[in-house]
Protein backbone atom coordinates (compact mmCIF):
# COMPACT_ATOMS: atom_id res chain seq x y z
CA MET A 1 -15.80 -3.63 -25.82
CA ASP A 2 -18.86 -4.77 -25.32
CA GLU A 3 -18.71 -4.74 -21.79
CA MET A 4 -17.26 -3.34 -18.58
CA ILE A 5 -13.55 -4.98 -17.82
CA GLU A 6 -13.21 -4.94 -13.77
CA LYS A 7 -9.69 -5.97 -12.33
CA VAL A 8 -8.43 -5.16 -8.86
CA LYS A 9 -4.99 -3.71 -8.03
CA ASN A 10 -2.83 -2.20 -5.21
CA GLY A 11 -5.84 -1.51 -3.17
CA TYR A 12 -8.29 0.16 -6.29
CA THR A 13 -10.99 -1.56 -8.32
CA ILE A 14 -10.38 -0.67 -11.39
CA ASN A 15 -13.78 -0.22 -13.55
CA LEU A 16 -12.82 0.29 -17.30
CA TYR A 17 -15.26 1.09 -20.11
CA LYS A 18 -15.31 1.90 -23.92
CA ASP A 19 -15.44 5.47 -23.90
CA LYS A 20 -16.98 8.54 -21.87
CA LEU A 21 -20.74 8.01 -22.86
CA GLU A 22 -20.28 4.51 -21.54
CA LEU A 23 -18.46 5.83 -18.63
CA SER A 24 -20.82 8.40 -17.57
CA THR A 25 -23.57 6.38 -17.39
CA ALA A 26 -22.07 3.18 -15.47
CA VAL A 27 -20.89 6.17 -12.66
CA PHE A 28 -24.54 7.65 -12.71
CA LYS A 29 -25.99 4.15 -12.33
CA PHE A 30 -23.40 3.32 -9.48
CA ILE A 31 -24.18 6.84 -7.98
CA GLU A 32 -28.24 6.69 -8.09
CA SER A 33 -27.94 2.80 -6.56
CA HIS A 34 -25.96 3.75 -3.79
CA ILE A 35 -28.33 6.93 -2.89
CA ILE A 36 -31.16 4.35 -3.28
CA HIS A 37 -29.73 1.59 -0.61
CA THR A 38 -28.39 4.23 1.42
CA LEU A 39 -31.44 5.93 1.89
CA LYS A 40 -33.34 2.72 3.02
CA LYS A 41 -30.93 2.46 6.19
CA LYS A 42 -30.29 6.16 6.64
CA ASP A 43 -32.02 9.56 6.95
CA ARG A 44 -29.33 11.62 4.91
CA PHE A 45 -27.31 10.82 2.14
CA LYS A 46 -24.35 12.78 2.42
CA PHE A 47 -22.73 13.52 -1.04
CA CYS A 48 -18.99 14.75 -2.05
CA VAL A 49 -18.94 16.20 -5.24
CA SER A 50 -15.97 16.96 -7.73
CA GLY A 51 -15.86 20.07 -9.83
CA GLY A 52 -14.20 20.10 -13.60
CA SER A 53 -15.52 18.86 -16.66
CA THR A 54 -15.80 15.12 -16.35
CA PRO A 55 -18.40 14.32 -14.12
CA LYS A 56 -20.77 17.26 -15.52
CA SER A 57 -22.42 14.45 -17.78
CA VAL A 58 -22.90 12.25 -15.23
CA TYR A 59 -24.64 15.30 -12.75
CA LYS A 60 -27.00 15.80 -15.55
CA LEU A 61 -28.03 12.25 -15.84
CA LEU A 62 -28.58 11.97 -12.19
CA SER A 63 -30.45 15.08 -12.09
CA LYS A 64 -33.39 13.82 -14.23
CA SER A 65 -33.41 10.93 -11.79
CA ASP A 66 -36.63 10.61 -9.70
CA LEU A 67 -34.72 10.26 -6.16
CA ARG A 68 -35.44 11.29 -2.87
CA TRP A 69 -33.11 14.22 -3.57
CA ASP A 70 -34.79 16.11 -0.45
CA MET A 71 -32.91 13.64 1.76
CA VAL A 72 -29.62 14.61 -0.18
CA ASP A 73 -26.63 16.62 1.30
CA VAL A 74 -23.74 17.86 -1.38
CA PHE A 75 -20.91 19.36 -0.56
CA LEU A 76 -17.97 20.19 -3.05
CA GLY A 77 -14.82 18.72 -2.18
CA ASP A 78 -13.20 21.79 -3.59
CA GLU A 79 -13.87 25.08 -5.33
CA ARG A 80 -11.87 27.69 -6.71
CA CYS A 81 -11.79 31.05 -4.61
CA VAL A 82 -13.59 33.15 -7.41
CA ASP A 83 -17.46 34.94 -7.73
CA PRO A 84 -20.07 32.13 -7.68
CA ASN A 85 -21.49 33.40 -10.76
CA SER A 86 -18.26 32.99 -12.87
CA GLU A 87 -17.35 30.58 -15.44
CA LEU A 88 -14.60 29.02 -13.30
CA SER A 89 -16.87 28.49 -10.27
CA ASN A 90 -17.71 24.68 -9.57
CA SER A 91 -20.90 26.13 -7.76
CA LEU A 92 -22.47 27.38 -10.63
CA MET A 93 -21.48 24.09 -12.90
CA LEU A 94 -23.51 22.16 -10.35
CA LYS A 95 -26.10 24.28 -10.31
CA ASN A 96 -26.77 24.31 -14.29
CA SER A 97 -26.32 20.19 -13.86
CA LEU A 98 -26.56 18.01 -10.71
CA LEU A 99 -28.98 20.48 -8.87
CA LYS A 100 -31.48 21.23 -11.67
CA ASN A 101 -34.72 19.27 -12.62
CA PHE A 102 -35.18 16.80 -9.76
CA GLY A 103 -31.95 17.43 -8.04
CA SER A 104 -33.14 21.01 -7.27
CA LYS A 105 -34.53 19.39 -4.28
CA ALA A 106 -31.07 19.14 -2.51
CA PHE A 107 -29.19 20.69 -0.02
CA PHE A 108 -26.26 22.25 -1.45
CA TYR A 109 -23.70 23.85 0.84
CA GLU A 110 -22.30 26.75 -1.52
CA ILE A 111 -19.00 27.87 0.08
CA PHE A 112 -18.74 31.29 -1.19
CA ASN A 113 -22.06 32.67 -0.58
CA ASP A 114 -20.62 35.52 1.17
CA LEU A 115 -17.91 36.93 -0.62
CA ASN A 116 -16.77 39.84 1.95
CA ALA A 117 -15.87 36.80 4.26
CA ASP A 118 -11.83 36.16 5.17
CA ASP A 119 -10.67 32.70 4.41
CA GLU A 120 -10.45 32.17 8.41
CA ALA A 121 -14.17 32.88 8.79
CA THR A 122 -14.80 31.30 5.12
CA LYS A 123 -13.08 27.82 6.58
CA ASN A 124 -14.67 27.86 9.76
CA GLN A 125 -18.34 28.28 8.21
CA PHE A 126 -17.49 25.39 5.93
CA VAL A 127 -16.13 22.78 8.97
CA SER A 128 -19.23 24.22 10.97
CA LYS A 129 -21.57 23.16 8.24
CA LEU A 130 -19.58 19.37 7.75
CA PHE A 131 -20.06 18.65 11.60
CA GLU A 132 -23.65 20.14 11.23
CA LYS A 133 -24.75 17.86 8.00
CA CYS A 134 -22.28 14.47 8.84
CA GLY A 135 -22.57 14.43 12.41
CA SER A 136 -18.75 12.95 12.90
CA ASN A 137 -15.58 13.70 13.69
CA PRO A 138 -13.75 13.47 11.20
CA PRO A 139 -16.79 14.20 8.88
CA THR A 140 -17.89 11.45 6.70
CA PHE A 141 -19.52 11.50 3.53
CA ASP A 142 -21.43 8.40 2.52
CA LEU A 143 -19.73 8.68 -1.28
CA THR A 144 -17.21 11.20 -2.50
CA LEU A 145 -16.57 11.53 -6.59
CA LEU A 146 -13.35 12.54 -6.72
CA GLY A 147 -11.49 13.69 -10.25
CA LEU A 148 -7.75 13.17 -11.22
CA GLY A 149 -5.66 15.65 -12.62
CA ASP A 150 -3.21 15.26 -15.55
CA ASP A 151 -0.48 16.48 -12.95
CA GLY A 152 -2.05 14.20 -10.21
CA HIS A 153 -4.05 16.28 -8.24
CA THR A 154 -7.36 15.76 -6.70
CA ALA A 155 -9.92 18.16 -4.94
CA SER A 156 -7.39 21.40 -4.53
CA LEU A 157 -4.55 19.01 -3.58
CA PHE A 158 -1.73 20.19 -6.16
CA PRO A 159 2.06 18.47 -6.39
CA TYR A 160 4.39 19.23 -3.82
CA GLN A 161 1.94 21.64 -1.79
CA LYS A 162 3.50 21.21 2.02
CA ASN A 163 -0.37 21.75 3.54
CA ASN A 164 -1.93 19.09 1.58
CA ASN A 165 -1.85 16.63 4.48
CA VAL A 166 -2.04 18.74 7.19
CA ASP A 167 -4.39 17.85 10.74
CA ASP A 168 -7.22 19.92 9.48
CA PHE A 169 -10.33 19.40 7.57
CA VAL A 170 -9.95 22.42 5.34
CA ILE A 171 -7.15 24.08 3.80
CA PHE A 172 -6.59 27.08 1.70
CA ASN A 173 -3.94 25.95 -1.70
CA ASP A 174 -2.74 27.34 -4.93
CA GLY A 175 -3.53 25.48 -8.15
CA LYS A 176 -3.18 26.17 -12.00
CA GLY A 177 -3.35 30.02 -11.10
CA LEU A 178 -5.98 29.84 -9.12
CA LYS A 179 -6.52 30.52 -5.00
CA ARG A 180 -8.58 27.29 -4.12
CA ILE A 181 -10.26 25.91 -0.70
CA SER A 182 -10.40 21.85 -0.19
CA LEU A 183 -11.33 19.50 1.87
CA THR A 184 -8.19 17.33 3.05
CA PRO A 185 -7.13 13.81 2.92
CA LYS A 186 -8.39 13.64 6.11
CA VAL A 187 -11.84 14.26 5.25
CA LEU A 188 -11.85 12.70 2.04
CA SER A 189 -10.27 9.51 3.22
CA ALA A 190 -12.95 8.88 6.04
CA SER A 191 -15.95 8.19 3.32
CA SER A 192 -17.59 5.20 3.61
CA LYS A 193 -17.09 5.04 -0.43
CA ILE A 194 -14.82 6.83 -2.55
CA VAL A 195 -14.65 6.71 -6.39
CA PHE A 196 -12.50 8.23 -9.23
CA LEU A 197 -13.77 9.03 -12.17
CA VAL A 198 -10.73 9.31 -15.00
CA SER A 199 -11.26 10.48 -18.76
CA GLY A 200 -8.81 11.12 -21.76
CA ALA A 201 -5.91 10.16 -22.88
CA SER A 202 -4.22 13.19 -20.71
CA LYS A 203 -4.87 11.41 -17.62
CA ARG A 204 -3.05 8.36 -18.60
CA ILE A 205 0.35 9.14 -16.52
CA ALA A 206 -1.44 10.37 -13.96
CA LEU A 207 -3.66 7.16 -13.68
CA GLU A 208 -0.70 5.00 -13.89
CA ARG A 209 1.27 7.14 -11.28
CA LEU A 210 -1.71 6.83 -9.00
CA LEU A 211 -1.54 2.69 -9.07
CA ASP A 212 2.29 2.34 -8.62
CA GLU A 213 2.68 1.53 -5.28
CA LYS A 214 6.21 3.11 -5.15
CA GLU A 215 4.76 6.56 -6.66
CA SER A 216 4.99 9.26 -4.31
CA PRO A 217 2.28 11.18 -2.48
CA ASP A 218 4.24 14.49 -3.41
CA ARG A 219 4.26 14.46 -7.00
CA THR A 220 0.65 12.57 -7.22
CA PRO A 221 -1.23 13.92 -4.33
CA SER A 222 -4.18 11.84 -5.09
CA LYS A 223 -2.43 8.93 -3.70
CA LEU A 224 -3.03 10.75 -0.24
CA ILE A 225 -6.62 9.11 -0.30
CA LYS A 226 -7.05 6.18 1.56
CA SER A 227 -9.81 3.95 2.57
CA ILE A 228 -10.54 0.97 4.89
CA ASN A 229 -12.39 0.07 1.89
CA GLN A 230 -11.71 -0.70 -1.87
CA ILE A 231 -11.42 2.40 -3.84
CA SER A 232 -13.00 2.45 -7.18
CA ILE A 233 -11.57 3.99 -10.29
CA PHE A 234 -14.21 4.20 -13.21
CA CYS A 235 -12.48 4.86 -16.55
CA ASP A 236 -12.29 4.87 -20.24
CA LEU A 237 -10.07 3.14 -22.78
CA GLU A 238 -8.26 6.39 -23.48
CA SER A 239 -7.24 7.09 -20.21
CA ALA A 240 -6.62 3.54 -19.31
CA LYS A 241 -4.11 2.78 -22.38
CA GLU A 242 -0.67 2.57 -20.88
CA LEU A 243 -2.70 -0.03 -17.94
CA GLU A 244 -1.52 -3.44 -18.16
CA ILE A 245 -5.30 -4.62 -18.07
């Protein structure tokens, strides 16, 4: 494949790349461009990011781009309830990728900077900072980057969890053996632009289900993320092998 393939399907724009390297480069360029153009019109760029291993290479590329990082607000869509210095912490991953080099100038809200705070206090502080930085109800990001788990989860919205789609902004959930905190579909869906980043053979079934109009959001919670704008999916050949493209 010499160039990207683009196709629109069931409310999603699918951008397909040969491999993870091409995919990471394309997503980096997309986000870089989005930040540049948004900051020509607005004073701040509000960026909701995902954890996990797939976006890390994108974040490293972004950190080396000389953007107006001091005007960028970064929030995690979800976080594991662990010490910020734990290898399992999404915050630590961001500090070692996106928030280095030029990216170190960005404002980053670290959810668990006070390990002694109880759940309710942590949740209230998170919501308060969202309102402070986003200034809307529901809080609205300029760009939200989401992952897709092999079980169909996104952020920390896991299959068959009863509180996935509650009328709230922040929830606590359990997934993959860990307690987690997550933004809800109400916030994630309000984003001006939503991008799913999908890579690897293990994501084939989940991606196929995400694009299936008949698929249940109980089994595939990523389907809870809706938008009045087209949602973009950036994926590689390995993850899209089962798709009819």
